[in-house]
Structures are given as structure tokens and as C-alpha cells.
Amino acid sequence: MTCETPLFQQVGRASTSSNKWQKPQPGRIKCNIDASLWNCTSIGICLCDEDTEYVLAKTMSLSPKHTVEVAEALGLFYALEWLVDKQFDTMDFVVDSKITLDAFNINRQV
């Protein structure tokens, strides 16, 4: 099974050709995070290495159903919490929510 972006990148419907998925640098892991809404909020987290090989994945369902913005932010929160618990530390993150991306990066701008 394989997966197909700097430390944090946005991908999704609003993506341009410059935002296509890129494999991580050697020794790093790519963490793709996404949320979906149906009867509840579902979050998917998938880790892939620089060879685009599957490393680990996790899914979770949350109730009640959240807004898209909250669901995407919760996806990042739970991914970070899970990765700290698993002791991963060389990660690149991919989300498709510009709001989540901007909120995460706001304090990183110099």
C-alpha cells in the first residue's frame, strides 16, 4: 500500500499545481489528516515514508457532528496527540483546510 507536500502544507479542492503531494525528505514521515462529516465527525490519519510506503494509520469518530472547520482542527489536534504518544518526531503534515493551516502557522511566521 502506498500514499501519494514542507513541514505543513495544504492540499485539497483549492490546490494549485504547486500544492501537489510531495514525498517527505529522507528520514521524515508524511502525516496526511482529513475529516469527513456524515452522521458524525470522522477523522483519518495516514503516515507514509519517503518511499510513499504506508507506515501507520488511525481513524476515529466523534460525536456530536462538528462543523468542517472544527473537524479539521480536531483532526490535527488528535493527530499531534497520537504522534506524541507514539514518539514520532520527524513529521511533515498535510491538511486540506486553509483555516487550520493558517491557525497552525500564525505563530511560526517570523
Protein backbone atom coordinates (compact mmCIF):
# COMPACT_ATOMS: atom_id res chain seq x y z
CA MET A 1 0.00 0.00 0.00
CA THR A 2 1.35 3.45 -0.86
CA CYS A 3 0.39 7.07 -0.12
CA GLU A 4 0.71 9.84 -2.51
CA THR A 5 3.95 18.14 0.45
CA PRO A 6 7.46 21.42 3.74
CA LEU A 7 6.59 20.87 7.45
CA PHE A 8 2.96 21.80 6.88
CA GLN A 9 1.09 22.08 3.61
CA GLN A 10 -2.46 22.48 2.44
CA VAL A 11 -3.88 20.22 -0.26
CA GLY A 12 -7.42 19.76 -1.46
CA ARG A 13 -10.01 21.31 -3.72
CA ALA A 14 -8.40 24.75 -3.72
CA SER A 15 -4.96 23.32 -4.50
CA THR A 16 -2.87 24.51 -7.37
CA SER A 17 -0.27 22.50 -9.25
CA SER A 18 2.35 23.86 -6.85
CA ASN A 19 0.48 22.23 -3.93
CA LYS A 20 0.65 18.66 -5.24
CA TRP A 21 1.61 15.99 -2.75
CA GLN A 22 5.35 15.67 -2.39
CA LYS A 23 7.14 12.91 -0.60
CA PRO A 24 8.93 13.88 2.62
CA GLN A 25 12.66 14.36 2.90
CA PRO A 26 14.67 11.21 3.70
CA GLY A 27 14.19 10.20 7.32
CA ARG A 28 10.90 12.09 7.69
CA ILE A 29 7.32 10.79 7.78
CA LYS A 30 4.36 12.40 5.99
CA CYS A 31 1.16 12.70 8.04
CA ASN A 32 -1.99 13.21 5.97
CA ILE A 33 -5.00 14.32 8.02
CA ASP A 34 -8.59 14.60 6.84
CA ALA A 35 -12.05 14.83 8.34
CA SER A 36 -15.43 13.85 6.96
CA LEU A 37 -18.92 14.62 8.14
CA TRP A 38 -21.91 12.35 7.73
CA ASN A 39 -23.88 11.31 10.79
CA CYS A 40 -20.88 12.09 12.97
CA THR A 41 -17.40 13.54 12.58
CA SER A 42 -14.82 11.07 11.27
CA ILE A 43 -11.09 11.72 11.25
CA GLY A 44 -8.49 9.83 9.27
CA ILE A 45 -4.73 9.98 9.81
CA CYS A 46 -2.28 8.22 7.49
CA LEU A 47 1.51 8.08 7.81
CA CYS A 48 3.78 7.38 4.83
CA ASP A 49 7.56 7.35 4.49
CA GLU A 50 9.84 8.89 1.83
CA ASP A 51 9.27 5.85 -0.40
CA THR A 52 5.49 6.56 -0.21
CA GLU A 53 5.05 3.32 1.73
CA TYR A 54 2.30 3.06 4.32
CA VAL A 55 3.66 3.29 7.88
CA LEU A 56 0.63 3.55 10.17
CA ALA A 57 -2.95 4.86 10.13
CA LYS A 58 -5.70 5.71 12.54
CA THR A 59 -9.37 6.58 12.22
CA MET A 60 -11.76 7.88 14.82
CA SER A 61 -15.37 9.00 15.08
CA LEU A 62 -16.54 11.88 17.23
CA SER A 63 -19.99 12.77 18.39
CA PRO A 64 -21.69 15.14 18.05
CA LYS A 65 -21.19 16.12 14.44
CA HIS A 66 -18.95 19.22 14.18
CA THR A 67 -18.56 21.91 11.55
CA VAL A 68 -15.94 21.32 8.85
CA GLU A 69 -13.64 23.92 10.40
CA VAL A 70 -13.81 22.35 13.85
CA ALA A 71 -13.49 18.82 12.46
CA GLU A 72 -10.31 19.70 10.54
CA ALA A 73 -8.78 21.39 13.60
CA LEU A 74 -9.69 18.41 15.78
CA GLY A 75 -8.09 16.13 13.20
CA LEU A 76 -4.80 17.98 13.57
CA PHE A 77 -5.12 18.04 17.37
CA TYR A 78 -5.74 14.29 17.63
CA ALA A 79 -3.01 13.53 15.09
CA LEU A 80 -0.47 15.54 17.12
CA GLU A 81 -1.61 13.90 20.35
CA TRP A 82 -1.38 10.42 18.80
CA LEU A 83 2.04 11.05 17.25
CA VAL A 84 3.49 12.34 20.53
CA ASP A 85 2.17 9.22 22.25
CA LYS A 86 3.78 7.05 19.52
CA GLN A 87 7.02 9.09 19.90
CA PHE A 88 7.17 10.22 16.26
CA ASP A 89 9.13 13.46 15.93
CA THR A 90 10.23 13.99 12.33
CA MET A 91 6.87 14.68 10.69
CA ASP A 92 5.57 16.67 7.74
CA PHE A 93 1.83 17.41 7.93
CA VAL A 94 -0.76 17.71 5.15
CA VAL A 95 -4.25 19.14 5.66
CA ASP A 96 -6.88 20.39 3.26
CA SER A 97 -8.22 23.17 5.49
CA LYS A 98 -6.71 26.60 4.88
CA ILE A 99 -8.18 27.83 8.18
CA THR A 100 -6.40 25.06 10.11
CA LEU A 101 -3.18 25.62 8.17
CA ASP A 102 -3.21 29.37 8.81
CA ALA A 103 -4.06 28.96 12.51
CA PHE A 104 -1.24 26.46 12.97
CA ASN A 105 1.30 28.63 11.15
CA ILE A 106 0.33 32.02 12.65
CA ASN A 107 2.92 31.83 15.43
CA ARG A 108 5.54 30.27 13.16
CA GLN A 109 5.83 33.37 10.96
CA VAL A 110 8.87 35.48 11.68
